PDB file of all heavy atoms in Angstrom:
ATOM      1  N   ALA A   1      12.754   9.432   7.756  1.00  0.00           N
ATOM      2  CA  ALA A   1      11.547  10.105   7.157  1.00  0.00           C
ATOM      3  C   ALA A   1      10.291   9.225   7.245  1.00  0.00           C
ATOM      4  O   ALA A   1       9.199   9.745   7.092  1.00  0.00           O
ATOM      5  CB  ALA A   1      11.776  10.383   5.688  1.00  0.00           C
ATOM      6  N   TYR A   2      10.391   7.939   7.692  1.00  0.00           N
ATOM      7  CA  TYR A   2       9.216   7.089   7.686  1.00  0.00           C
ATOM      8  C   TYR A   2       8.076   7.621   8.626  1.00  0.00           C
ATOM      9  O   TYR A   2       6.941   7.580   8.172  1.00  0.00           O
ATOM     10  CB  TYR A   2       9.624   5.673   8.153  1.00  0.00           C
ATOM     11  CG  TYR A   2       8.466   4.765   8.199  1.00  0.00           C
ATOM     12  CD1 TYR A   2       7.902   4.238   7.058  1.00  0.00           C
ATOM     13  CD2 TYR A   2       7.913   4.365   9.445  1.00  0.00           C
ATOM     14  CE1 TYR A   2       6.792   3.371   7.097  1.00  0.00           C
ATOM     15  CE2 TYR A   2       6.824   3.518   9.483  1.00  0.00           C
ATOM     16  CZ  TYR A   2       6.270   3.023   8.346  1.00  0.00           C
ATOM     17  OH  TYR A   2       5.221   2.174   8.396  1.00  0.00           O
ATOM     18  N   PRO A   3       8.363   8.112   9.795  1.00  0.00           N
ATOM     19  CA  PRO A   3       7.239   8.566  10.646  1.00  0.00           C
ATOM     20  C   PRO A   3       6.489   9.731   9.988  1.00  0.00           C
ATOM     21  O   PRO A   3       5.272   9.824  10.030  1.00  0.00           O
ATOM     22  CB  PRO A   3       7.849   8.980  11.950  1.00  0.00           C
ATOM     23  CG  PRO A   3       9.140   8.295  12.027  1.00  0.00           C
ATOM     24  CD  PRO A   3       9.605   8.107  10.576  1.00  0.00           C
ATOM     25  N   PHE A   4       7.232  10.592   9.307  1.00  0.00           N
ATOM     26  CA  PHE A   4       6.555  11.699   8.662  1.00  0.00           C
ATOM     27  C   PHE A   4       5.766  11.295   7.414  1.00  0.00           C
ATOM     28  O   PHE A   4       4.664  11.753   7.191  1.00  0.00           O
ATOM     29  CB  PHE A   4       7.652  12.772   8.225  1.00  0.00           C
ATOM     30  CG  PHE A   4       8.480  13.235   9.346  1.00  0.00           C
ATOM     31  CD1 PHE A   4       9.757  12.849   9.511  1.00  0.00           C
ATOM     32  CD2 PHE A   4       7.921  14.108  10.335  1.00  0.00           C
ATOM     33  CE1 PHE A   4      10.563  13.337  10.575  1.00  0.00           C
ATOM     34  CE2 PHE A   4       8.655  14.546  11.448  1.00  0.00           C
ATOM     35  CZ  PHE A   4       9.968  14.172  11.540  1.00  0.00           C
ATOM     36  N   LEU A   5       6.320  10.357   6.639  1.00  0.00           N
ATOM     37  CA  LEU A   5       5.608   9.818   5.515  1.00  0.00           C
ATOM     38  C   LEU A   5       4.385   9.055   5.957  1.00  0.00           C
ATOM     39  O   LEU A   5       3.294   9.131   5.300  1.00  0.00           O
ATOM     40  CB  LEU A   5       6.513   8.904   4.672  1.00  0.00           C
ATOM     41  CG  LEU A   5       7.744   9.563   3.993  1.00  0.00           C
ATOM     42  CD1 LEU A   5       8.629   8.467   3.369  1.00  0.00           C
ATOM     43  CD2 LEU A   5       7.245  10.533   2.980  1.00  0.00           C
ATOM     44  N   LYS A   6       4.518   8.316   7.049  1.00  0.00           N
ATOM     45  CA  LYS A   6       3.376   7.558   7.549  1.00  0.00           C
ATOM     46  C   LYS A   6       2.211   8.457   7.955  1.00  0.00           C
ATOM     47  O   LYS A   6       1.057   8.185   7.656  1.00  0.00           O
ATOM     48  CB  LYS A   6       3.845   6.677   8.723  1.00  0.00           C
ATOM     49  CG  LYS A   6       2.795   5.805   9.294  1.00  0.00           C
ATOM     50  CD  LYS A   6       3.352   4.976  10.441  1.00  0.00           C
ATOM     51  CE  LYS A   6       2.284   4.138  11.065  1.00  0.00           C
ATOM     52  NZ  LYS A   6       2.781   3.384  12.246  1.00  0.00           N
ATOM     53  N   ALA A   7       2.573   9.540   8.619  1.00  0.00           N
ATOM     54  CA  ALA A   7       1.471  10.469   9.073  1.00  0.00           C
ATOM     55  C   ALA A   7       0.927  11.223   7.870  1.00  0.00           C
ATOM     56  O   ALA A   7      -0.274  11.476   7.825  1.00  0.00           O
ATOM     57  CB  ALA A   7       2.100  11.456  10.064  1.00  0.00           C
ATOM     58  N   ARG A   8       1.743  11.564   6.923  1.00  0.00           N
ATOM     59  CA  ARG A   8       1.268  12.373   5.777  1.00  0.00           C
ATOM     60  C   ARG A   8       0.419  11.631   4.789  1.00  0.00           C
ATOM     61  O   ARG A   8      -0.614  12.095   4.361  1.00  0.00           O
ATOM     62  CB  ARG A   8       2.497  13.007   5.044  1.00  0.00           C
ATOM     63  CG  ARG A   8       2.199  13.762   3.785  1.00  0.00           C
ATOM     64  CD  ARG A   8       1.583  15.080   4.116  1.00  0.00           C
ATOM     65  NE  ARG A   8       1.395  15.823   2.914  1.00  0.00           N
ATOM     66  CZ  ARG A   8       0.326  16.532   2.624  1.00  0.00           C
ATOM     67  NH1 ARG A   8      -0.596  16.654   3.506  1.00  0.00           N
ATOM     68  NH2 ARG A   8       0.202  17.127   1.484  1.00  0.00           N
ATOM     69  N   PHE A   9       0.804  10.413   4.469  1.00  0.00           N
ATOM     70  CA  PHE A   9       0.120   9.614   3.460  1.00  0.00           C
ATOM     71  C   PHE A   9      -0.770   8.486   3.986  1.00  0.00           C
ATOM     72  O   PHE A   9      -1.246   7.770   3.225  1.00  0.00           O
ATOM     73  CB  PHE A   9       1.175   9.003   2.479  1.00  0.00           C
ATOM     74  CG  PHE A   9       1.936  10.059   1.737  1.00  0.00           C
ATOM     75  CD1 PHE A   9       3.300  10.215   1.907  1.00  0.00           C
ATOM     76  CD2 PHE A   9       1.268  10.892   0.832  1.00  0.00           C
ATOM     77  CE1 PHE A   9       3.992  11.177   1.232  1.00  0.00           C
ATOM     78  CE2 PHE A   9       2.036  11.864   0.165  1.00  0.00           C
ATOM     79  CZ  PHE A   9       3.363  11.976   0.337  1.00  0.00           C
ATOM     80  N   ASN A  10      -0.928   8.405   5.317  1.00  0.00           N
ATOM     81  CA  ASN A  10      -1.757   7.433   5.997  1.00  0.00           C
ATOM     82  C   ASN A  10      -1.338   6.014   5.416  1.00  0.00           C
ATOM     83  O   ASN A  10      -2.134   5.309   4.897  1.00  0.00           O
ATOM     84  CB  ASN A  10      -3.204   7.712   5.702  1.00  0.00           C
ATOM     85  CG  ASN A  10      -4.097   6.914   6.638  1.00  0.00           C
ATOM     86  OD1 ASN A  10      -3.640   6.215   7.532  1.00  0.00           O
ATOM     87  ND2 ASN A  10      -5.429   7.013   6.390  1.00  0.00           N
ATOM     88  N   LEU A  11      -0.078   5.653   5.662  1.00  0.00           N
ATOM     89  CA  LEU A  11       0.442   4.399   5.126  1.00  0.00           C
ATOM     90  C   LEU A  11      -0.253   3.190   5.742  1.00  0.00           C
ATOM     91  O   LEU A  11      -0.214   2.067   5.114  1.00  0.00           O
ATOM     92  CB  LEU A  11       1.941   4.317   5.351  1.00  0.00           C
ATOM     93  CG  LEU A  11       2.818   5.337   4.597  1.00  0.00           C
ATOM     94  CD1 LEU A  11       4.256   5.171   4.897  1.00  0.00           C
ATOM     95  CD2 LEU A  11       2.592   5.175   3.089  1.00  0.00           C
ATOM     96  N   ASP A  12      -0.892   3.313   6.922  1.00  0.00           N
ATOM     97  CA  ASP A  12      -1.543   2.177   7.526  1.00  0.00           C
ATOM     98  C   ASP A  12      -2.708   1.743   6.592  1.00  0.00           C
ATOM     99  O   ASP A  12      -3.101   0.537   6.602  1.00  0.00           O
ATOM    100  CB  ASP A  12      -2.108   2.506   8.885  1.00  0.00           C
ATOM    101  CG  ASP A  12      -0.954   2.604   9.896  1.00  0.00           C
ATOM    102  OD1 ASP A  12       0.085   2.006   9.673  1.00  0.00           O
ATOM    103  OD2 ASP A  12      -1.114   3.354  10.881  1.00  0.00           O
ATOM    104  N   ARG A  13      -3.258   2.607   5.862  1.00  0.00           N
ATOM    105  CA  ARG A  13      -4.361   2.283   4.867  1.00  0.00           C
ATOM    106  C   ARG A  13      -3.819   1.870   3.548  1.00  0.00           C
ATOM    107  O   ARG A  13      -4.376   0.976   2.927  1.00  0.00           O
ATOM    108  CB  ARG A  13      -5.253   3.474   4.789  1.00  0.00           C
ATOM    109  CG  ARG A  13      -6.518   3.218   3.892  1.00  0.00           C
ATOM    110  CD  ARG A  13      -7.347   4.448   3.813  1.00  0.00           C
ATOM    111  NE  ARG A  13      -6.657   5.661   3.328  1.00  0.00           N
ATOM    112  CZ  ARG A  13      -6.418   5.966   2.070  1.00  0.00           C
ATOM    113  NH1 ARG A  13      -6.868   5.149   1.124  1.00  0.00           N
ATOM    114  NH2 ARG A  13      -5.750   7.065   1.737  1.00  0.00           N
ATOM    115  N   ILE A  14      -2.732   2.539   3.099  1.00  0.00           N
ATOM    116  CA  ILE A  14      -2.221   2.274   1.782  1.00  0.00           C
ATOM    117  C   ILE A  14      -1.470   0.938   1.631  1.00  0.00           C
ATOM    118  O   ILE A  14      -1.627   0.174   0.681  1.00  0.00           O
ATOM    119  CB  ILE A  14      -1.379   3.448   1.242  1.00  0.00           C
ATOM    120  CG1 ILE A  14      -2.196   4.675   1.132  1.00  0.00           C
ATOM    121  CG2 ILE A  14      -0.673   3.146  -0.038  1.00  0.00           C
ATOM    122  CD1 ILE A  14      -1.387   5.919   0.870  1.00  0.00           C
ATOM    123  N   LEU A  15      -0.559   0.663   2.617  1.00  0.00           N
ATOM    124  CA  LEU A  15       0.262  -0.535   2.524  1.00  0.00           C
ATOM    125  C   LEU A  15      -0.494  -1.849   2.426  1.00  0.00           C
ATOM    126  O   LEU A  15      -0.086  -2.699   1.610  1.00  0.00           O
ATOM    127  CB  LEU A  15       1.289  -0.566   3.687  1.00  0.00           C
ATOM    128  CG  LEU A  15       2.377   0.505   3.583  1.00  0.00           C
ATOM    129  CD1 LEU A  15       3.263   0.429   4.766  1.00  0.00           C
ATOM    130  CD2 LEU A  15       3.178   0.344   2.347  1.00  0.00           C
ATOM    131  N   PRO A  16      -1.537  -2.140   3.209  1.00  0.00           N
ATOM    132  CA  PRO A  16      -2.271  -3.373   3.020  1.00  0.00           C
ATOM    133  C   PRO A  16      -2.912  -3.460   1.621  1.00  0.00           C
ATOM    134  O   PRO A  16      -3.014  -4.544   1.079  1.00  0.00           O
ATOM    135  CB  PRO A  16      -3.302  -3.326   4.150  1.00  0.00           C
ATOM    136  CG  PRO A  16      -2.751  -2.422   5.151  1.00  0.00           C
ATOM    137  CD  PRO A  16      -1.978  -1.407   4.430  1.00  0.00           C
ATOM    138  N   THR A  17      -3.340  -2.339   1.115  1.00  0.00           N
ATOM    139  CA  THR A  17      -3.930  -2.330  -0.229  1.00  0.00           C
ATOM    140  C   THR A  17      -2.895  -2.768  -1.313  1.00  0.00           C
ATOM    141  O   THR A  17      -3.176  -3.546  -2.175  1.00  0.00           O
ATOM    142  CB  THR A  17      -4.500  -0.938  -0.581  1.00  0.00           C
ATOM    143  OG1 THR A  17      -5.378  -0.571   0.456  1.00  0.00           O
ATOM    144  CG2 THR A  17      -5.180  -0.939  -1.939  1.00  0.00           C
ATOM    145  N   ILE A  18      -1.656  -2.226  -1.167  1.00  0.00           N
ATOM    146  CA  ILE A  18      -0.590  -2.557  -2.099  1.00  0.00           C
ATOM    147  C   ILE A  18      -0.199  -4.047  -1.943  1.00  0.00           C
ATOM    148  O   ILE A  18       0.054  -4.726  -2.912  1.00  0.00           O
ATOM    149  CB  ILE A  18       0.645  -1.681  -1.871  1.00  0.00           C
ATOM    150  CG1 ILE A  18       0.311  -0.222  -2.319  1.00  0.00           C
ATOM    151  CG2 ILE A  18       1.860  -2.177  -2.654  1.00  0.00           C
ATOM    152  CD1 ILE A  18       1.366   0.792  -1.927  1.00  0.00           C
ATOM    153  N   GLY A  19      -0.187  -4.525  -0.704  1.00  0.00           N
ATOM    154  CA  GLY A  19       0.146  -5.901  -0.424  1.00  0.00           C
ATOM    155  C   GLY A  19      -0.896  -6.897  -0.955  1.00  0.00           C
ATOM    156  O   GLY A  19      -0.584  -8.072  -1.212  1.00  0.00           O
ATOM    157  N   SER A  20      -2.132  -6.473  -1.138  1.00  0.00           N
ATOM    158  CA  SER A  20      -3.132  -7.403  -1.569  1.00  0.00           C
ATOM    159  C   SER A  20      -3.337  -7.403  -3.109  1.00  0.00           C
ATOM    160  O   SER A  20      -4.211  -8.096  -3.583  1.00  0.00           O
ATOM    161  CB  SER A  20      -4.484  -7.060  -0.886  1.00  0.00           C
ATOM    162  OG  SER A  20      -4.946  -5.825  -1.350  1.00  0.00           O
ATOM    163  N   LEU A  21      -2.522  -6.642  -3.803  1.00  0.00           N
ATOM    164  CA  LEU A  21      -2.654  -6.607  -5.276  1.00  0.00           C
ATOM    165  C   LEU A  21      -2.276  -7.963  -5.835  1.00  0.00           C
ATOM    166  O   LEU A  21      -1.275  -8.570  -5.440  1.00  0.00           O
ATOM    167  CB  LEU A  21      -1.787  -5.501  -5.874  1.00  0.00           C
ATOM    168  CG  LEU A  21      -2.211  -4.083  -5.600  1.00  0.00           C
ATOM    169  CD1 LEU A  21      -1.200  -3.176  -6.201  1.00  0.00           C
ATOM    170  CD2 LEU A  21      -3.558  -3.811  -6.182  1.00  0.00           C
ATOM    171  N   ARG A  22      -2.923  -8.458  -6.739  1.00  0.00           N
ATOM    172  CA  ARG A  22      -2.675  -9.719  -7.433  1.00  0.00           C
ATOM    173  C   ARG A  22      -2.703  -9.564  -8.941  1.00  0.00           C
ATOM    174  O   ARG A  22      -3.508  -8.785  -9.444  1.00  0.00           O
ATOM    175  CB  ARG A  22      -3.662 -10.815  -7.014  1.00  0.00           C
ATOM    176  CG  ARG A  22      -3.652 -11.139  -5.540  1.00  0.00           C
ATOM    177  CD  ARG A  22      -2.384 -11.903  -5.176  1.00  0.00           C
ATOM    178  NE  ARG A  22      -2.374 -12.225  -3.798  1.00  0.00           N
ATOM    179  CZ  ARG A  22      -1.666 -11.631  -2.845  1.00  0.00           C
ATOM    180  NH1 ARG A  22      -0.944 -10.664  -3.179  1.00  0.00           N
ATOM    181  NH2 ARG A  22      -1.698 -12.047  -1.610  1.00  0.00           N
ATOM    182  N   ILE A  23      -1.924 -10.352  -9.575  1.00  0.00           N
ATOM    183  CA  ILE A  23      -1.928 -10.339 -11.067  1.00  0.00           C
ATOM    184  C   ILE A  23      -2.822 -11.449 -11.545  1.00  0.00           C
ATOM    185  O   ILE A  23      -2.654 -12.566 -11.111  1.00  0.00           O
ATOM    186  CB  ILE A  23      -0.499 -10.493 -11.647  1.00  0.00           C
ATOM    187  CG1 ILE A  23       0.389  -9.311 -11.202  1.00  0.00           C
ATOM    188  CG2 ILE A  23      -0.536 -10.607 -13.158  1.00  0.00           C
ATOM    189  CD1 ILE A  23       1.803  -9.453 -11.552  1.00  0.00           C
ATOM    190  N   HIS A  24      -3.774 -11.117 -12.348  1.00  0.00           N
ATOM    191  CA  HIS A  24      -4.728 -12.160 -12.869  1.00  0.00           C
ATOM    192  C   HIS A  24      -4.356 -12.399 -14.364  1.00  0.00           C
ATOM    193  O   HIS A  24      -4.638 -11.522 -15.252  1.00  0.00           O
ATOM    194  CB  HIS A  24      -6.125 -11.656 -12.751  1.00  0.00           C
ATOM    195  CG  HIS A  24      -6.532 -11.377 -11.300  1.00  0.00           C
ATOM    196  ND1 HIS A  24      -6.694 -12.329 -10.402  1.00  0.00           N
ATOM    197  CD2 HIS A  24      -6.724 -10.154 -10.695  1.00  0.00           C
ATOM    198  CE1 HIS A  24      -6.974 -11.778  -9.283  1.00  0.00           C
ATOM    199  NE2 HIS A  24      -7.000 -10.486  -9.388  1.00  0.00           N
ATOM    200  N   PRO A  25      -3.729 -13.503 -14.679  1.00  0.00           N
ATOM    201  CA  PRO A  25      -3.318 -13.764 -16.064  1.00  0.00           C
ATOM    202  C   PRO A  25      -4.566 -13.994 -16.983  1.00  0.00           C
ATOM    203  O   PRO A  25      -5.586 -14.468 -16.473  1.00  0.00           O
ATOM    204  CB  PRO A  25      -2.494 -15.042 -15.986  1.00  0.00           C
ATOM    205  CG  PRO A  25      -2.942 -15.707 -14.744  1.00  0.00           C
ATOM    206  CD  PRO A  25      -3.404 -14.621 -13.816  1.00  0.00           C
ATOM    207  N   GLN A  26      -4.439 -13.609 -18.192  1.00  0.00           N
ATOM    208  CA  GLN A  26      -5.462 -13.877 -19.192  1.00  0.00           C
ATOM    209  C   GLN A  26      -5.474 -15.343 -19.564  1.00  0.00           C
ATOM    210  O   GLN A  26      -4.459 -15.943 -19.687  1.00  0.00           O
ATOM    211  CB  GLN A  26      -5.228 -13.014 -20.395  1.00  0.00           C
ATOM    212  CG  GLN A  26      -5.277 -11.518 -20.108  1.00  0.00           C
ATOM    213  CD  GLN A  26      -6.611 -11.024 -19.658  1.00  0.00           C
ATOM    214  OE1 GLN A  26      -7.637 -11.542 -20.089  1.00  0.00           O
ATOM    215  NE2 GLN A  26      -6.659 -10.082 -18.735  1.00  0.00           N
ATOM    216  N   PRO A  27      -6.635 -15.901 -19.742  1.00  0.00           N
ATOM    217  CA  PRO A  27      -6.680 -17.294 -20.144  1.00  0.00           C
ATOM    218  C   PRO A  27      -6.057 -17.500 -21.539  1.00  0.00           C
ATOM    219  O   PRO A  27      -6.173 -16.624 -22.433  1.00  0.00           O
ATOM    220  CB  PRO A  27      -8.176 -17.649 -20.175  1.00  0.00           C
ATOM    221  CG  PRO A  27      -8.860 -16.351 -20.268  1.00  0.00           C
ATOM    222  CD  PRO A  27      -7.978 -15.307 -19.616  1.00  0.00           C
TER     223      PRO A  27
END
């Protein structure tokens, strides 16, 4: 199903965004 999901949800744009998420702890 990956090729269909990739075409439908534009995973080339979403995956790098998910990969760049960082957790910022509170001081």
